[in-house]
């Protein structure tokens, strides 16, 4: 399991790479700096803004564009591996802009503790996020929850993959 670390590092890198990624017509989904075993990984997760599928050529183009920027700024002290990729199917929603990007789509939610109805896991259509309150329309009605109450919120774009 990956050990999360480098929050400030990820923020510094995000500020450095965002203009380039967005200048290439892409969305910067997330920047994660984490340790796996003895190695550190800087993962720059990108997405297409037009809804088309991410391809390896685009990831390679972004990686080549970011290399000189990261080399010059040198925001990370230790050695690391740069990975540029898609947030993938079932992507985690961790930022307010993620919720805006997938508004109207189906999401799955896992809460740390069951809500007032005894429900800890549910899915439905994301209808909005106001501040920290997220609203989902489920088959049993509207559910509101605070972002901090959720252990995981993911896009349900992989449900029909094996049907």
N, C-alpha and C. Protein backbone atom coordinates (compact mmCIF):
# COMPACT_ATOMS: atom_id res chain seq x y z
N UNK A 1 0.84 -1.18 0.00
CA UNK A 1 0.00 0.00 0.00
C UNK A 1 0.88 1.24 0.00
N UNK A 2 0.46 2.23 -0.76
CA UNK A 2 1.24 3.46 -0.87
C UNK A 2 1.14 4.27 0.40
N UNK A 3 2.24 4.87 0.75
CA UNK A 3 2.29 5.74 1.92
C UNK A 3 2.19 7.17 1.42
N UNK A 4 1.12 7.86 1.78
CA UNK A 4 0.92 9.23 1.33
C UNK A 4 1.91 10.15 2.03
N UNK A 5 2.46 11.05 1.30
CA UNK A 5 3.39 12.02 1.87
C UNK A 5 3.54 13.18 0.91
N UNK A 6 4.25 14.17 1.37
CA UNK A 6 4.64 15.25 0.46
C UNK A 6 3.52 16.17 0.04
N UNK A 7 2.58 16.49 0.94
CA UNK A 7 1.49 17.39 0.60
C UNK A 7 1.97 18.73 0.08
N UNK A 8 2.93 19.33 0.78
CA UNK A 8 3.48 20.60 0.32
C UNK A 8 4.22 20.44 -0.99
N UNK A 9 4.92 19.33 -1.14
CA UNK A 9 5.63 19.05 -2.39
C UNK A 9 4.64 18.97 -3.54
N UNK A 10 3.56 18.23 -3.34
CA UNK A 10 2.55 18.09 -4.39
C UNK A 10 1.96 19.45 -4.75
N UNK A 11 1.72 20.30 -3.77
CA UNK A 11 1.18 21.63 -4.04
C UNK A 11 2.16 22.48 -4.84
N UNK A 12 3.44 22.42 -4.48
CA UNK A 12 4.46 23.18 -5.22
C UNK A 12 4.52 22.69 -6.67
N UNK A 13 4.53 21.38 -6.85
CA UNK A 13 4.60 20.82 -8.20
C UNK A 13 3.34 21.19 -8.98
N UNK A 14 2.20 21.12 -8.33
CA UNK A 14 0.95 21.47 -9.02
C UNK A 14 1.01 22.89 -9.56
N UNK A 15 1.49 23.82 -8.77
CA UNK A 15 1.61 25.21 -9.22
C UNK A 15 2.56 25.34 -10.41
N UNK A 16 3.60 24.52 -10.43
CA UNK A 16 4.57 24.55 -11.53
C UNK A 16 4.00 23.96 -12.82
N UNK A 17 3.26 22.85 -12.71
CA UNK A 17 2.86 22.13 -13.91
C UNK A 17 1.49 22.52 -14.46
N UNK A 18 0.64 23.11 -13.62
CA UNK A 18 -0.72 23.44 -14.07
C UNK A 18 -0.75 24.28 -15.36
N UNK A 19 0.03 25.37 -15.47
CA UNK A 19 -0.03 26.17 -16.70
C UNK A 19 0.30 25.35 -17.96
N UNK A 20 1.27 24.46 -17.86
CA UNK A 20 1.66 23.66 -19.01
C UNK A 20 0.56 22.67 -19.37
N UNK A 21 0.05 21.96 -18.37
CA UNK A 21 -1.01 20.97 -18.63
C UNK A 21 -2.24 21.65 -19.23
N UNK A 22 -2.68 22.74 -18.62
CA UNK A 22 -3.85 23.43 -19.13
C UNK A 22 -3.58 24.08 -20.49
N UNK A 23 -2.34 24.51 -20.71
CA UNK A 23 -1.95 25.08 -22.00
C UNK A 23 -2.00 24.04 -23.12
N UNK A 24 -1.95 22.77 -22.75
CA UNK A 24 -2.06 21.68 -23.73
C UNK A 24 -3.52 21.24 -23.91
N UNK A 25 -4.46 22.01 -23.32
CA UNK A 25 -5.87 21.72 -23.48
C UNK A 25 -6.37 20.57 -22.61
N UNK A 26 -5.65 20.31 -21.51
CA UNK A 26 -6.01 19.20 -20.62
C UNK A 26 -6.38 19.72 -19.25
N UNK A 27 -6.98 18.86 -18.44
CA UNK A 27 -7.33 19.19 -17.07
C UNK A 27 -6.32 18.51 -16.15
N UNK A 28 -5.77 19.27 -15.22
CA UNK A 28 -4.90 18.68 -14.20
C UNK A 28 -5.83 18.14 -13.11
N UNK A 29 -5.93 16.82 -13.00
CA UNK A 29 -6.85 16.20 -12.05
C UNK A 29 -6.25 16.19 -10.64
N UNK A 30 -4.96 15.82 -10.55
CA UNK A 30 -4.33 15.74 -9.23
C UNK A 30 -2.83 15.60 -9.39
N UNK A 31 -2.10 15.94 -8.33
CA UNK A 31 -0.67 15.69 -8.23
C UNK A 31 -0.46 14.97 -6.91
N UNK A 32 0.19 13.82 -6.97
CA UNK A 32 0.41 13.01 -5.77
C UNK A 32 1.90 12.69 -5.68
N UNK A 33 2.46 12.92 -4.52
CA UNK A 33 3.86 12.56 -4.26
C UNK A 33 3.83 11.55 -3.12
N UNK A 34 4.22 10.31 -3.42
CA UNK A 34 4.09 9.25 -2.43
C UNK A 34 5.23 8.25 -2.52
N UNK A 35 5.45 7.59 -1.41
CA UNK A 35 6.50 6.60 -1.31
C UNK A 35 5.89 5.21 -1.41
N UNK A 36 6.50 4.38 -2.23
CA UNK A 36 6.11 2.98 -2.35
C UNK A 36 7.38 2.17 -2.19
N UNK A 37 7.45 1.43 -1.10
CA UNK A 37 8.69 0.70 -0.81
C UNK A 37 9.80 1.70 -0.64
N UNK A 38 10.94 1.46 -1.27
CA UNK A 38 12.06 2.39 -1.11
C UNK A 38 12.01 3.60 -2.07
N UNK A 39 11.05 3.59 -3.00
CA UNK A 39 11.04 4.59 -4.06
C UNK A 39 9.94 5.64 -3.87
N UNK A 40 10.23 6.86 -4.35
CA UNK A 40 9.27 7.95 -4.36
C UNK A 40 8.73 8.13 -5.78
N UNK A 41 7.42 8.43 -5.86
CA UNK A 41 6.76 8.64 -7.15
C UNK A 41 6.04 9.97 -7.15
N UNK A 42 6.27 10.73 -8.20
CA UNK A 42 5.52 11.95 -8.44
C UNK A 42 4.53 11.61 -9.55
N UNK A 43 3.26 11.57 -9.19
CA UNK A 43 2.22 11.20 -10.16
C UNK A 43 1.41 12.44 -10.51
N UNK A 44 1.44 12.76 -11.79
CA UNK A 44 0.67 13.87 -12.33
C UNK A 44 -0.49 13.25 -13.10
N UNK A 45 -1.69 13.44 -12.58
CA UNK A 45 -2.88 12.83 -13.17
C UNK A 45 -3.61 13.86 -14.01
N UNK A 46 -3.80 13.53 -15.27
CA UNK A 46 -4.40 14.46 -16.23
C UNK A 46 -5.64 13.84 -16.85
N UNK A 47 -6.47 14.69 -17.40
CA UNK A 47 -7.72 14.24 -18.01
C UNK A 47 -8.01 15.14 -19.20
N UNK A 48 -8.69 14.59 -20.18
CA UNK A 48 -9.12 15.39 -21.31
C UNK A 48 -10.39 16.14 -20.92
N UNK A 49 -10.50 17.36 -21.38
CA UNK A 49 -11.66 18.17 -21.02
C UNK A 49 -12.85 17.92 -21.93
N UNK A 50 -12.63 17.24 -23.05
CA UNK A 50 -13.73 17.02 -24.01
C UNK A 50 -14.43 15.68 -23.80
N UNK A 51 -14.06 14.94 -22.76
CA UNK A 51 -14.72 13.67 -22.47
C UNK A 51 -14.18 12.47 -23.23
N UNK A 52 -13.21 12.69 -24.12
CA UNK A 52 -12.63 11.57 -24.84
C UNK A 52 -11.65 10.83 -23.93
N UNK A 53 -11.30 9.62 -24.33
CA UNK A 53 -10.43 8.77 -23.53
C UNK A 53 -8.98 9.23 -23.61
N UNK A 54 -8.32 9.21 -22.48
CA UNK A 54 -6.90 9.56 -22.41
C UNK A 54 -6.10 8.47 -23.11
N UNK A 55 -5.05 8.86 -23.81
CA UNK A 55 -4.20 7.88 -24.49
C UNK A 55 -2.75 8.04 -24.05
N UNK A 56 -1.96 7.01 -24.29
CA UNK A 56 -0.57 7.03 -23.83
C UNK A 56 0.26 8.09 -24.54
N UNK A 57 -0.05 8.41 -25.79
CA UNK A 57 0.70 9.44 -26.50
C UNK A 57 0.54 10.80 -25.82
N UNK A 58 -0.67 11.10 -25.37
CA UNK A 58 -0.91 12.37 -24.68
C UNK A 58 -0.14 12.40 -23.37
N UNK A 59 -0.17 11.29 -22.63
CA UNK A 59 0.57 11.22 -21.37
C UNK A 59 2.07 11.41 -21.61
N UNK A 60 2.58 10.79 -22.67
CA UNK A 60 4.00 10.93 -22.99
C UNK A 60 4.34 12.37 -23.37
N UNK A 61 3.45 13.01 -24.14
CA UNK A 61 3.68 14.41 -24.53
C UNK A 61 3.74 15.31 -23.29
N UNK A 62 2.84 15.09 -22.34
CA UNK A 62 2.82 15.89 -21.12
C UNK A 62 4.08 15.62 -20.30
N UNK A 63 4.47 14.36 -20.20
CA UNK A 63 5.68 14.01 -19.46
C UNK A 63 6.90 14.72 -20.04
N UNK A 64 7.02 14.72 -21.36
CA UNK A 64 8.15 15.38 -22.01
C UNK A 64 8.11 16.90 -21.80
N UNK A 65 6.90 17.46 -21.75
CA UNK A 65 6.76 18.90 -21.52
C UNK A 65 7.10 19.28 -20.08
N UNK A 66 6.80 18.38 -19.14
CA UNK A 66 7.03 18.69 -17.72
C UNK A 66 8.46 18.46 -17.27
N UNK A 67 9.16 17.52 -17.90
CA UNK A 67 10.54 17.19 -17.50
C UNK A 67 11.43 18.42 -17.35
N UNK A 68 11.54 19.28 -18.38
CA UNK A 68 12.44 20.43 -18.23
C UNK A 68 11.98 21.43 -17.17
N UNK A 69 10.67 21.55 -16.99
CA UNK A 69 10.13 22.47 -15.98
C UNK A 69 10.53 21.99 -14.59
N UNK A 70 10.34 20.69 -14.34
CA UNK A 70 10.68 20.12 -13.03
C UNK A 70 12.19 20.10 -12.81
N UNK A 71 12.96 19.84 -13.87
CA UNK A 71 14.41 19.85 -13.73
C UNK A 71 14.92 21.24 -13.36
N UNK A 72 14.37 22.26 -14.00
CA UNK A 72 14.83 23.63 -13.74
C UNK A 72 14.41 24.10 -12.35
N UNK A 73 13.17 23.88 -11.98
CA UNK A 73 12.66 24.35 -10.68
C UNK A 73 13.19 23.51 -9.53
N UNK A 74 13.45 22.24 -9.78
CA UNK A 74 13.97 21.29 -8.79
C UNK A 74 13.22 21.37 -7.45
N UNK A 75 11.88 21.12 -7.48
CA UNK A 75 11.08 21.28 -6.27
C UNK A 75 11.15 20.11 -5.28
N UNK A 76 11.84 19.05 -5.67
CA UNK A 76 11.87 17.84 -4.84
C UNK A 76 13.32 17.48 -4.55
N UNK A 77 13.64 17.34 -3.25
CA UNK A 77 15.02 17.07 -2.83
C UNK A 77 15.49 15.67 -3.22
N UNK A 78 14.69 14.65 -2.90
CA UNK A 78 15.14 13.28 -3.15
C UNK A 78 14.85 12.87 -4.60
N UNK A 79 15.43 11.75 -4.97
CA UNK A 79 15.18 11.22 -6.31
C UNK A 79 13.77 10.63 -6.33
N UNK A 80 13.15 10.64 -7.50
CA UNK A 80 11.78 10.16 -7.65
C UNK A 80 11.55 9.75 -9.10
N UNK A 81 10.48 9.02 -9.30
CA UNK A 81 10.04 8.65 -10.63
C UNK A 81 8.83 9.50 -11.00
N UNK A 82 8.87 10.11 -12.17
CA UNK A 82 7.74 10.90 -12.66
C UNK A 82 6.82 9.98 -13.46
N UNK A 83 5.55 9.97 -13.10
CA UNK A 83 4.54 9.22 -13.84
C UNK A 83 3.43 10.20 -14.22
N UNK A 84 3.11 10.24 -15.50
CA UNK A 84 2.00 11.05 -15.97
C UNK A 84 0.96 10.08 -16.50
N UNK A 85 -0.25 10.20 -15.99
CA UNK A 85 -1.29 9.28 -16.43
C UNK A 85 -2.68 9.83 -16.17
N UNK A 86 -3.65 9.01 -16.49
CA UNK A 86 -5.05 9.33 -16.27
C UNK A 86 -5.45 8.96 -14.86
N UNK A 87 -6.41 9.68 -14.27
CA UNK A 87 -6.91 9.25 -12.97
C UNK A 87 -7.67 7.93 -13.07
N UNK A 88 -7.98 7.52 -14.28
CA UNK A 88 -8.56 6.21 -14.53
C UNK A 88 -10.04 6.09 -14.22
N UNK A 89 -10.51 4.87 -14.45
CA UNK A 89 -11.89 4.56 -14.14
C UNK A 89 -12.06 4.53 -12.63
N UNK A 90 -13.22 4.88 -12.16
CA UNK A 90 -13.47 4.87 -10.73
C UNK A 90 -12.63 5.89 -9.99
N UNK A 91 -12.30 6.98 -10.66
CA UNK A 91 -11.42 7.99 -10.07
C UNK A 91 -11.97 8.55 -8.78
N UNK A 92 -11.08 8.87 -7.87
CA UNK A 92 -11.46 9.47 -6.59
C UNK A 92 -11.77 10.95 -6.80
N UNK A 93 -12.78 11.40 -6.09
CA UNK A 93 -13.12 12.82 -6.07
C UNK A 93 -12.61 13.37 -4.75
N UNK A 94 -11.60 14.22 -4.82
CA UNK A 94 -10.98 14.72 -3.60
C UNK A 94 -10.99 16.24 -3.48
N UNK A 95 -11.33 16.93 -4.56
CA UNK A 95 -11.29 18.39 -4.56
C UNK A 95 -12.63 18.95 -5.04
N UNK A 96 -12.96 20.16 -4.63
CA UNK A 96 -14.22 20.75 -5.10
C UNK A 96 -14.36 20.75 -6.63
N UNK A 97 -13.27 21.01 -7.34
CA UNK A 97 -13.36 21.04 -8.80
C UNK A 97 -13.64 19.67 -9.40
N UNK A 98 -13.28 18.59 -8.70
CA UNK A 98 -13.61 17.25 -9.18
C UNK A 98 -15.13 17.06 -9.21
N UNK A 99 -15.79 17.54 -8.17
CA UNK A 99 -17.25 17.40 -8.09
C UNK A 99 -17.92 18.19 -9.20
N UNK A 100 -17.40 19.37 -9.48
CA UNK A 100 -17.96 20.18 -10.56
C UNK A 100 -17.77 19.49 -11.91
N UNK A 101 -16.62 18.86 -12.10
CA UNK A 101 -16.31 18.21 -13.38
C UNK A 101 -17.21 17.01 -13.66
N UNK A 102 -17.70 16.33 -12.62
CA UNK A 102 -18.51 15.13 -12.83
C UNK A 102 -19.96 15.31 -12.39
N UNK A 103 -20.36 16.54 -12.15
CA UNK A 103 -21.75 16.82 -11.75
C UNK A 103 -22.70 16.20 -12.78
N UNK A 104 -23.74 15.53 -12.28
CA UNK A 104 -24.70 14.88 -13.17
C UNK A 104 -24.35 13.44 -13.49
N UNK A 105 -23.22 12.97 -13.00
CA UNK A 105 -22.81 11.58 -13.23
C UNK A 105 -22.97 10.77 -11.95
N UNK A 106 -22.94 9.45 -12.10
CA UNK A 106 -23.12 8.57 -10.96
C UNK A 106 -21.82 8.44 -10.17
N UNK A 107 -21.96 8.55 -8.83
CA UNK A 107 -20.82 8.39 -7.94
C UNK A 107 -21.15 7.36 -6.87
N UNK A 108 -20.13 6.79 -6.26
CA UNK A 108 -20.32 5.92 -5.10
C UNK A 108 -19.65 6.58 -3.91
N UNK A 109 -20.27 6.41 -2.74
CA UNK A 109 -19.81 7.07 -1.53
C UNK A 109 -19.66 6.04 -0.42
N UNK A 110 -18.55 6.12 0.31
CA UNK A 110 -18.35 5.34 1.52
C UNK A 110 -18.10 6.34 2.64
N UNK A 111 -18.96 6.29 3.64
CA UNK A 111 -18.84 7.18 4.79
C UNK A 111 -18.01 6.51 5.89
N UNK A 112 -17.36 7.32 6.71
CA UNK A 112 -16.63 6.78 7.85
C UNK A 112 -17.59 6.11 8.83
N UNK A 113 -18.73 6.75 9.05
CA UNK A 113 -19.76 6.22 9.96
C UNK A 113 -21.10 6.26 9.26
N UNK A 114 -21.97 5.35 9.62
CA UNK A 114 -23.32 5.32 9.04
C UNK A 114 -24.02 6.65 9.31
N UNK A 115 -24.82 7.09 8.35
CA UNK A 115 -25.57 8.33 8.53
C UNK A 115 -26.82 8.07 9.38
N UNK A 116 -27.69 9.08 9.49
CA UNK A 116 -28.87 8.96 10.34
C UNK A 116 -29.84 7.87 9.90
N UNK A 117 -29.69 7.38 8.66
CA UNK A 117 -30.54 6.30 8.15
C UNK A 117 -29.87 4.93 8.27
N UNK A 118 -28.68 4.91 8.89
CA UNK A 118 -27.95 3.65 9.04
C UNK A 118 -27.19 3.23 7.81
N UNK A 119 -27.03 4.13 6.87
CA UNK A 119 -26.35 3.83 5.61
C UNK A 119 -24.90 4.30 5.66
N UNK A 120 -24.01 3.40 5.29
CA UNK A 120 -22.59 3.75 5.26
C UNK A 120 -22.07 3.82 3.83
N UNK A 121 -22.71 3.09 2.91
CA UNK A 121 -22.31 3.09 1.49
C UNK A 121 -23.54 3.29 0.63
N UNK A 122 -23.41 4.14 -0.39
CA UNK A 122 -24.52 4.36 -1.32
C UNK A 122 -23.97 4.92 -2.62
N UNK A 123 -24.81 4.94 -3.63
CA UNK A 123 -24.44 5.53 -4.91
C UNK A 123 -25.63 6.26 -5.47
N UNK A 124 -25.35 7.16 -6.38
CA UNK A 124 -26.41 7.94 -7.01
C UNK A 124 -25.81 9.02 -7.89
N UNK A 125 -26.67 9.87 -8.38
CA UNK A 125 -26.26 10.95 -9.28
C UNK A 125 -25.84 12.16 -8.45
N UNK A 126 -24.63 12.62 -8.70
CA UNK A 126 -24.12 13.82 -8.03
C UNK A 126 -24.89 15.03 -8.57
N UNK A 127 -25.61 15.69 -7.68
CA UNK A 127 -26.37 16.86 -8.12
C UNK A 127 -25.71 18.18 -7.75
N UNK A 128 -24.74 18.13 -6.82
CA UNK A 128 -24.05 19.37 -6.52
C UNK A 128 -23.18 19.30 -5.29
N UNK A 129 -22.39 20.35 -5.14
CA UNK A 129 -21.57 20.56 -3.95
C UNK A 129 -21.59 22.04 -3.65
N UNK A 130 -22.08 22.36 -2.46
CA UNK A 130 -22.08 23.73 -1.96
C UNK A 130 -21.18 23.77 -0.75
N UNK A 131 -20.04 24.43 -0.85
CA UNK A 131 -19.08 24.42 0.25
C UNK A 131 -18.61 23.00 0.47
N UNK A 132 -18.82 22.49 1.68
CA UNK A 132 -18.42 21.11 1.98
C UNK A 132 -19.58 20.13 1.94
N UNK A 133 -20.78 20.59 1.59
CA UNK A 133 -21.95 19.73 1.55
C UNK A 133 -22.16 19.19 0.14
N UNK A 134 -22.20 17.88 0.04
CA UNK A 134 -22.35 17.20 -1.24
C UNK A 134 -23.76 16.61 -1.29
N UNK A 135 -24.42 16.75 -2.43
CA UNK A 135 -25.78 16.26 -2.60
C UNK A 135 -25.80 15.20 -3.70
N UNK A 136 -26.41 14.05 -3.35
CA UNK A 136 -26.51 12.92 -4.27
C UNK A 136 -27.97 12.48 -4.33
N UNK A 137 -28.46 12.28 -5.53
CA UNK A 137 -29.82 11.76 -5.71
C UNK A 137 -29.72 10.25 -5.86
N UNK A 138 -30.21 9.53 -4.85
CA UNK A 138 -30.16 8.06 -4.85
C UNK A 138 -31.53 7.52 -5.20
N UNK A 139 -31.63 6.21 -5.36
CA UNK A 139 -32.93 5.60 -5.65
C UNK A 139 -33.88 5.72 -4.45
N UNK A 140 -33.36 6.02 -3.27
CA UNK A 140 -34.18 6.20 -2.07
C UNK A 140 -34.39 7.67 -1.71
N UNK A 141 -33.99 8.57 -2.60
CA UNK A 141 -34.16 10.00 -2.34
C UNK A 141 -32.85 10.74 -2.26
N UNK A 142 -32.92 12.00 -1.90
CA UNK A 142 -31.76 12.87 -1.83
C UNK A 142 -30.97 12.62 -0.55
N UNK A 143 -29.65 12.52 -0.70
CA UNK A 143 -28.77 12.35 0.44
C UNK A 143 -27.76 13.49 0.43
N UNK A 144 -27.64 14.17 1.55
CA UNK A 144 -26.63 15.21 1.74
C UNK A 144 -25.61 14.71 2.75
N UNK A 145 -24.34 15.01 2.51
CA UNK A 145 -23.30 14.65 3.48
C UNK A 145 -22.16 15.64 3.37
N UNK A 146 -21.41 15.75 4.45
CA UNK A 146 -20.25 16.62 4.46
C UNK A 146 -19.06 15.87 3.85
N UNK A 147 -18.25 16.56 3.09
CA UNK A 147 -17.08 15.93 2.45
C UNK A 147 -16.20 15.24 3.48
N UNK A 148 -16.06 15.84 4.65
CA UNK A 148 -15.20 15.26 5.69
C UNK A 148 -15.78 13.98 6.29
N UNK A 149 -17.05 13.68 6.05
CA UNK A 149 -17.68 12.46 6.56
C UNK A 149 -17.42 11.26 5.65
N UNK A 150 -16.89 11.52 4.45
CA UNK A 150 -16.70 10.45 3.46
C UNK A 150 -15.26 9.93 3.49
N UNK A 151 -15.12 8.61 3.57
CA UNK A 151 -13.78 8.03 3.47
C UNK A 151 -13.36 7.97 2.00
N UNK A 152 -14.34 7.70 1.11
CA UNK A 152 -14.05 7.62 -0.32
C UNK A 152 -15.27 8.06 -1.12
N UNK A 153 -15.03 8.88 -2.13
CA UNK A 153 -16.05 9.22 -3.12
C UNK A 153 -15.40 8.97 -4.47
N UNK A 154 -16.06 8.14 -5.28
CA UNK A 154 -15.52 7.77 -6.59
C UNK A 154 -16.56 7.94 -7.68
N UNK A 155 -16.08 8.18 -8.88
CA UNK A 155 -16.93 8.20 -10.05
C UNK A 155 -17.26 6.75 -10.41
N UNK A 156 -18.51 6.48 -10.73
CA UNK A 156 -18.94 5.11 -11.09
C UNK A 156 -18.91 4.93 -12.60
N UNK A 157 -17.79 5.19 -13.23
CA UNK A 157 -17.71 5.05 -14.68
C UNK A 157 -17.21 3.69 -15.11
N UNK A 158 -17.03 2.79 -14.16
CA UNK A 158 -16.51 1.45 -14.49
C UNK A 158 -17.52 0.34 -14.20
N UNK A 159 -18.76 0.70 -13.83
CA UNK A 159 -19.75 -0.29 -13.43
C UNK A 159 -20.08 -1.31 -14.51
N UNK A 160 -20.20 -0.86 -15.75
CA UNK A 160 -20.63 -1.73 -16.84
C UNK A 160 -19.47 -2.36 -17.58
N UNK A 161 -18.28 -2.26 -17.03
CA UNK A 161 -17.08 -2.74 -17.69
C UNK A 161 -17.12 -4.24 -17.97
N UNK A 162 -17.70 -5.00 -17.06
CA UNK A 162 -17.66 -6.45 -17.19
C UNK A 162 -19.02 -7.06 -17.53
N UNK A 163 -19.98 -6.23 -17.91
CA UNK A 163 -21.30 -6.73 -18.28
C UNK A 163 -21.31 -7.28 -19.69
